[in-house]
Amino acid sequence: MALKPEVLRNRKDFDRLYKRGRSISEKYIVLFAIPNALPMNRKAFLASKKVGGAVARNRARRLMKEGFRLMEKEDALKSGFDILFIARNTITGKKRQEVEASMKRALAKGKVLK
């Protein structure tokens, strides 16, 4: 099974994001973004145990992934960024539209939206 090149996996990529990336806090998520000199965006979605149990964490990641997928489909994002979305514990029980709106605000502040 081939690895998806648009997903962040390497420790050094995460370290670079945390150290040099721009951090933007929103109501339901925290965004880290940094230019990556590639023709595509690479992304990752995290939810810590502060969000809740495994079911709550997986739902939080699914909500963020779906929101990002829809933004990509709308072609609303600039290319060439490493993007990390971290779910906050306020995300539990929220609808996709609320999470997507929070993601859009964070991406706009981070100058990743077109």
N, C-alpha and C. Protein backbone atom coordinates (compact mmCIF):
# COMPACT_ATOMS: atom_id res chain seq x y z
N MET A 1 0.84 -1.18 0.00
CA MET A 1 0.00 0.00 0.00
C MET A 1 0.89 1.24 0.00
N ALA A 2 0.68 2.11 -0.93
CA ALA A 2 1.52 3.30 -1.09
C ALA A 2 1.13 4.37 -0.06
N LEU A 3 2.13 5.09 0.42
CA LEU A 3 1.88 6.18 1.34
C LEU A 3 1.40 7.41 0.58
N LYS A 4 0.53 8.16 1.19
CA LYS A 4 0.03 9.38 0.57
C LYS A 4 1.04 10.49 0.79
N PRO A 5 1.56 11.10 -0.27
CA PRO A 5 2.60 12.13 -0.10
C PRO A 5 2.07 13.42 0.52
N GLU A 6 0.75 13.62 0.51
CA GLU A 6 0.21 14.87 1.03
C GLU A 6 -0.09 14.82 2.54
N VAL A 7 0.30 13.72 3.20
CA VAL A 7 0.08 13.59 4.64
C VAL A 7 1.42 13.72 5.35
N LEU A 8 1.44 14.56 6.38
CA LEU A 8 2.66 14.73 7.18
C LEU A 8 2.84 13.52 8.08
N ARG A 9 4.05 12.96 8.08
CA ARG A 9 4.31 11.80 8.92
C ARG A 9 5.63 11.91 9.70
N ASN A 10 6.63 12.57 9.10
CA ASN A 10 7.97 12.54 9.69
C ASN A 10 8.09 13.43 10.91
N ARG A 11 8.83 12.96 11.88
CA ARG A 11 9.06 13.71 13.12
C ARG A 11 9.70 15.07 12.82
N LYS A 12 10.66 15.08 11.87
CA LYS A 12 11.35 16.35 11.57
C LYS A 12 10.39 17.38 10.99
N ASP A 13 9.39 16.94 10.22
CA ASP A 13 8.39 17.87 9.68
C ASP A 13 7.54 18.47 10.80
N PHE A 14 7.15 17.63 11.76
CA PHE A 14 6.37 18.13 12.89
C PHE A 14 7.21 19.07 13.75
N ASP A 15 8.47 18.71 13.99
CA ASP A 15 9.36 19.57 14.77
C ASP A 15 9.53 20.93 14.11
N ARG A 16 9.69 20.92 12.78
CA ARG A 16 9.84 22.18 12.03
C ARG A 16 8.57 23.02 12.15
N LEU A 17 7.42 22.38 12.06
CA LEU A 17 6.15 23.09 12.19
C LEU A 17 6.01 23.73 13.58
N TYR A 18 6.34 22.96 14.62
CA TYR A 18 6.21 23.49 15.98
C TYR A 18 7.19 24.62 16.25
N LYS A 19 8.42 24.49 15.73
CA LYS A 19 9.46 25.50 16.01
C LYS A 19 9.32 26.75 15.17
N ARG A 20 9.12 26.60 13.86
CA ARG A 20 9.13 27.75 12.96
C ARG A 20 7.78 28.09 12.35
N GLY A 21 6.80 27.21 12.53
CA GLY A 21 5.49 27.44 11.94
C GLY A 21 4.71 28.52 12.67
N ARG A 22 3.76 29.09 11.97
CA ARG A 22 2.90 30.10 12.56
C ARG A 22 1.75 29.41 13.28
N SER A 23 1.50 29.79 14.53
CA SER A 23 0.45 29.18 15.33
C SER A 23 -0.75 30.12 15.42
N ILE A 24 -1.92 29.60 15.08
CA ILE A 24 -3.14 30.39 15.14
C ILE A 24 -4.18 29.60 15.95
N SER A 25 -4.72 30.24 16.98
CA SER A 25 -5.74 29.60 17.81
C SER A 25 -7.12 30.06 17.38
N GLU A 26 -8.02 29.13 17.34
CA GLU A 26 -9.42 29.40 17.04
C GLU A 26 -10.27 28.71 18.09
N LYS A 27 -11.57 28.85 17.98
CA LYS A 27 -12.48 28.32 18.99
C LYS A 27 -12.39 26.79 19.14
N TYR A 28 -12.32 26.08 18.01
CA TYR A 28 -12.34 24.62 18.06
C TYR A 28 -11.02 23.96 17.66
N ILE A 29 -10.11 24.73 17.07
CA ILE A 29 -8.86 24.14 16.59
C ILE A 29 -7.68 25.07 16.84
N VAL A 30 -6.48 24.49 16.76
CA VAL A 30 -5.23 25.26 16.70
C VAL A 30 -4.58 24.88 15.38
N LEU A 31 -4.10 25.89 14.66
CA LEU A 31 -3.49 25.65 13.35
C LEU A 31 -2.02 26.01 13.41
N PHE A 32 -1.19 25.14 12.85
CA PHE A 32 0.22 25.46 12.61
C PHE A 32 0.41 25.40 11.10
N ALA A 33 1.02 26.42 10.52
CA ALA A 33 1.24 26.44 9.06
C ALA A 33 2.61 27.03 8.77
N ILE A 34 3.27 26.47 7.75
CA ILE A 34 4.58 26.95 7.32
C ILE A 34 4.73 26.62 5.83
N PRO A 35 5.31 27.52 5.04
CA PRO A 35 5.56 27.19 3.62
C PRO A 35 6.51 26.00 3.50
N ASN A 36 6.30 25.16 2.47
CA ASN A 36 7.10 23.94 2.35
C ASN A 36 7.87 23.79 1.03
N ALA A 37 7.79 24.77 0.13
CA ALA A 37 8.51 24.74 -1.14
C ALA A 37 8.16 23.53 -2.01
N LEU A 38 6.96 23.01 -1.85
CA LEU A 38 6.47 21.90 -2.67
C LEU A 38 5.26 22.40 -3.45
N PRO A 39 4.89 21.73 -4.53
CA PRO A 39 3.73 22.18 -5.31
C PRO A 39 2.38 21.82 -4.68
N MET A 40 2.40 21.18 -3.50
CA MET A 40 1.15 20.74 -2.87
C MET A 40 1.16 21.08 -1.39
N ASN A 41 0.00 21.01 -0.79
CA ASN A 41 -0.11 21.16 0.66
C ASN A 41 0.03 19.79 1.30
N ARG A 42 0.78 19.75 2.41
CA ARG A 42 0.83 18.53 3.21
C ARG A 42 0.12 18.85 4.51
N LYS A 43 -0.64 17.88 5.03
CA LYS A 43 -1.47 18.17 6.18
C LYS A 43 -1.46 17.03 7.19
N ALA A 44 -1.85 17.37 8.42
CA ALA A 44 -2.02 16.38 9.48
C ALA A 44 -3.13 16.87 10.40
N PHE A 45 -3.82 15.92 11.03
CA PHE A 45 -4.93 16.23 11.91
C PHE A 45 -4.71 15.49 13.22
N LEU A 46 -4.63 16.22 14.33
CA LEU A 46 -4.36 15.61 15.62
C LEU A 46 -5.47 15.92 16.61
N ALA A 47 -5.71 14.97 17.51
CA ALA A 47 -6.64 15.18 18.62
C ALA A 47 -6.03 14.47 19.83
N SER A 48 -5.72 15.23 20.87
CA SER A 48 -5.10 14.64 22.05
C SER A 48 -6.15 14.03 22.96
N LYS A 49 -5.71 13.39 24.03
CA LYS A 49 -6.65 12.77 24.96
C LYS A 49 -7.48 13.80 25.71
N LYS A 50 -7.07 15.07 25.64
CA LYS A 50 -7.87 16.13 26.27
C LYS A 50 -9.23 16.26 25.58
N VAL A 51 -9.30 15.84 24.31
CA VAL A 51 -10.54 15.92 23.55
C VAL A 51 -11.55 14.91 24.07
N GLY A 52 -11.07 13.76 24.51
CA GLY A 52 -11.96 12.72 25.04
C GLY A 52 -11.43 11.34 24.73
N GLY A 53 -12.32 10.36 24.75
CA GLY A 53 -11.95 8.99 24.46
C GLY A 53 -11.69 8.79 22.97
N ALA A 54 -11.42 7.56 22.60
CA ALA A 54 -11.06 7.25 21.21
C ALA A 54 -12.16 7.65 20.24
N VAL A 55 -13.41 7.45 20.61
CA VAL A 55 -14.52 7.78 19.72
C VAL A 55 -14.56 9.29 19.48
N ALA A 56 -14.42 10.07 20.55
CA ALA A 56 -14.45 11.54 20.43
C ALA A 56 -13.26 12.04 19.62
N ARG A 57 -12.08 11.46 19.84
CA ARG A 57 -10.89 11.89 19.10
C ARG A 57 -11.02 11.56 17.62
N ASN A 58 -11.51 10.38 17.30
CA ASN A 58 -11.69 10.00 15.90
C ASN A 58 -12.74 10.89 15.22
N ARG A 59 -13.81 11.22 15.93
CA ARG A 59 -14.83 12.11 15.37
C ARG A 59 -14.23 13.49 15.10
N ALA A 60 -13.43 13.99 16.03
CA ALA A 60 -12.80 15.30 15.87
C ALA A 60 -11.91 15.30 14.62
N ARG A 61 -11.12 14.26 14.45
CA ARG A 61 -10.25 14.15 13.26
C ARG A 61 -11.08 14.05 11.99
N ARG A 62 -12.16 13.28 12.01
CA ARG A 62 -13.02 13.15 10.83
C ARG A 62 -13.65 14.49 10.46
N LEU A 63 -14.10 15.24 11.46
CA LEU A 63 -14.70 16.56 11.20
C LEU A 63 -13.68 17.48 10.54
N MET A 64 -12.46 17.49 11.06
CA MET A 64 -11.42 18.37 10.50
C MET A 64 -11.04 17.92 9.08
N LYS A 65 -10.92 16.61 8.88
CA LYS A 65 -10.56 16.10 7.55
C LYS A 65 -11.62 16.44 6.52
N GLU A 66 -12.89 16.28 6.90
CA GLU A 66 -13.97 16.57 5.96
C GLU A 66 -14.03 18.06 5.65
N GLY A 67 -13.86 18.89 6.66
CA GLY A 67 -13.83 20.34 6.42
C GLY A 67 -12.71 20.73 5.48
N PHE A 68 -11.53 20.14 5.67
CA PHE A 68 -10.39 20.44 4.81
C PHE A 68 -10.64 19.93 3.39
N ARG A 69 -11.22 18.73 3.28
CA ARG A 69 -11.51 18.15 1.96
C ARG A 69 -12.44 19.07 1.17
N LEU A 70 -13.45 19.59 1.83
CA LEU A 70 -14.40 20.48 1.15
C LEU A 70 -13.73 21.79 0.74
N MET A 71 -12.82 22.30 1.57
CA MET A 71 -12.10 23.52 1.20
C MET A 71 -11.19 23.28 -0.02
N GLU A 72 -10.56 22.10 -0.05
CA GLU A 72 -9.73 21.75 -1.21
C GLU A 72 -10.59 21.63 -2.46
N LYS A 73 -11.76 21.04 -2.30
CA LYS A 73 -12.68 20.86 -3.43
C LYS A 73 -13.12 22.22 -3.99
N GLU A 74 -13.32 23.20 -3.10
CA GLU A 74 -13.70 24.56 -3.52
C GLU A 74 -12.51 25.32 -4.10
N ASP A 75 -11.32 24.74 -4.01
CA ASP A 75 -10.08 25.38 -4.46
C ASP A 75 -9.86 26.70 -3.73
N ALA A 76 -10.06 26.67 -2.40
CA ALA A 76 -9.97 27.88 -1.59
C ALA A 76 -8.60 28.07 -0.95
N LEU A 77 -7.69 27.10 -1.16
CA LEU A 77 -6.40 27.14 -0.46
C LEU A 77 -5.24 27.44 -1.40
N LYS A 78 -4.25 28.16 -0.89
CA LYS A 78 -3.00 28.34 -1.63
C LYS A 78 -2.22 27.04 -1.55
N SER A 79 -1.30 26.83 -2.49
CA SER A 79 -0.48 25.62 -2.48
C SER A 79 0.87 25.89 -1.84
N GLY A 80 1.52 24.81 -1.41
CA GLY A 80 2.88 24.92 -0.90
C GLY A 80 2.98 25.18 0.59
N PHE A 81 2.09 24.57 1.39
CA PHE A 81 2.14 24.74 2.84
C PHE A 81 2.11 23.39 3.54
N ASP A 82 2.79 23.32 4.69
CA ASP A 82 2.59 22.22 5.63
C ASP A 82 1.60 22.75 6.65
N ILE A 83 0.51 22.00 6.85
CA ILE A 83 -0.58 22.46 7.71
C ILE A 83 -0.88 21.39 8.75
N LEU A 84 -0.95 21.82 10.00
CA LEU A 84 -1.27 20.91 11.10
C LEU A 84 -2.48 21.47 11.83
N PHE A 85 -3.54 20.67 11.91
CA PHE A 85 -4.73 21.04 12.67
C PHE A 85 -4.75 20.22 13.95
N ILE A 86 -4.90 20.89 15.08
CA ILE A 86 -4.99 20.21 16.37
C ILE A 86 -6.35 20.54 16.97
N ALA A 87 -7.11 19.50 17.30
CA ALA A 87 -8.45 19.69 17.87
C ALA A 87 -8.33 20.17 19.31
N ARG A 88 -9.17 21.14 19.68
CA ARG A 88 -9.26 21.57 21.08
C ARG A 88 -10.41 20.82 21.72
N ASN A 89 -10.43 20.78 23.05
CA ASN A 89 -11.49 20.01 23.72
C ASN A 89 -12.87 20.62 23.51
N THR A 90 -12.96 21.86 23.01
CA THR A 90 -14.25 22.48 22.72
C THR A 90 -14.92 21.90 21.48
N ILE A 91 -14.20 21.06 20.72
CA ILE A 91 -14.72 20.52 19.46
C ILE A 91 -15.78 19.44 19.69
N THR A 92 -15.79 18.83 20.87
CA THR A 92 -16.72 17.72 21.12
C THR A 92 -18.17 18.20 21.00
N GLY A 93 -18.95 17.43 20.27
CA GLY A 93 -20.37 17.73 20.11
C GLY A 93 -20.69 18.79 19.08
N LYS A 94 -19.70 19.26 18.34
CA LYS A 94 -19.94 20.31 17.33
C LYS A 94 -20.25 19.69 15.98
N LYS A 95 -20.91 20.47 15.15
CA LYS A 95 -21.24 20.03 13.80
C LYS A 95 -20.10 20.39 12.85
N ARG A 96 -20.07 19.70 11.69
CA ARG A 96 -19.00 19.93 10.72
C ARG A 96 -18.93 21.37 10.27
N GLN A 97 -20.09 22.01 10.06
CA GLN A 97 -20.10 23.39 9.58
C GLN A 97 -19.41 24.33 10.58
N GLU A 98 -19.62 24.11 11.87
CA GLU A 98 -18.99 24.95 12.89
C GLU A 98 -17.48 24.75 12.88
N VAL A 99 -17.05 23.50 12.77
CA VAL A 99 -15.62 23.20 12.76
C VAL A 99 -14.98 23.77 11.48
N GLU A 100 -15.66 23.61 10.35
CA GLU A 100 -15.13 24.12 9.08
C GLU A 100 -15.01 25.64 9.12
N ALA A 101 -15.99 26.32 9.70
CA ALA A 101 -15.92 27.79 9.81
C ALA A 101 -14.73 28.20 10.67
N SER A 102 -14.48 27.47 11.75
CA SER A 102 -13.33 27.75 12.61
C SER A 102 -12.02 27.52 11.86
N MET A 103 -11.97 26.46 11.05
CA MET A 103 -10.78 26.16 10.25
C MET A 103 -10.54 27.27 9.22
N LYS A 104 -11.62 27.73 8.58
CA LYS A 104 -11.48 28.79 7.57
C LYS A 104 -10.95 30.08 8.20
N ARG A 105 -11.45 30.42 9.38
CA ARG A 105 -10.96 31.63 10.07
C ARG A 105 -9.48 31.51 10.38
N ALA A 106 -9.07 30.33 10.86
CA ALA A 106 -7.66 30.12 11.20
C ALA A 106 -6.79 30.16 9.94
N LEU A 107 -7.24 29.54 8.86
CA LEU A 107 -6.48 29.54 7.61
C LEU A 107 -6.39 30.95 7.02
N ALA A 108 -7.45 31.75 7.18
CA ALA A 108 -7.42 33.12 6.71
C ALA A 108 -6.41 33.94 7.50
N LYS A 109 -6.38 33.77 8.81
CA LYS A 109 -5.40 34.47 9.66
C LYS A 109 -3.98 34.05 9.31
N GLY A 110 -3.81 32.77 8.96
CA GLY A 110 -2.49 32.25 8.59
C GLY A 110 -2.11 32.52 7.15
N LYS A 111 -2.95 33.24 6.41
CA LYS A 111 -2.72 33.59 5.01
C LYS A 111 -2.52 32.36 4.12
N VAL A 112 -3.29 31.31 4.40
CA VAL A 112 -3.26 30.09 3.59
C VAL A 112 -4.46 30.06 2.64
N LEU A 113 -5.52 30.79 2.96
CA LEU A 113 -6.67 30.88 2.07
C LEU A 113 -6.36 31.81 0.91
N LYS A 114 -6.96 31.54 -0.25
CA LYS A 114 -6.77 32.40 -1.43
C LYS A 114 -7.48 33.72 -1.21
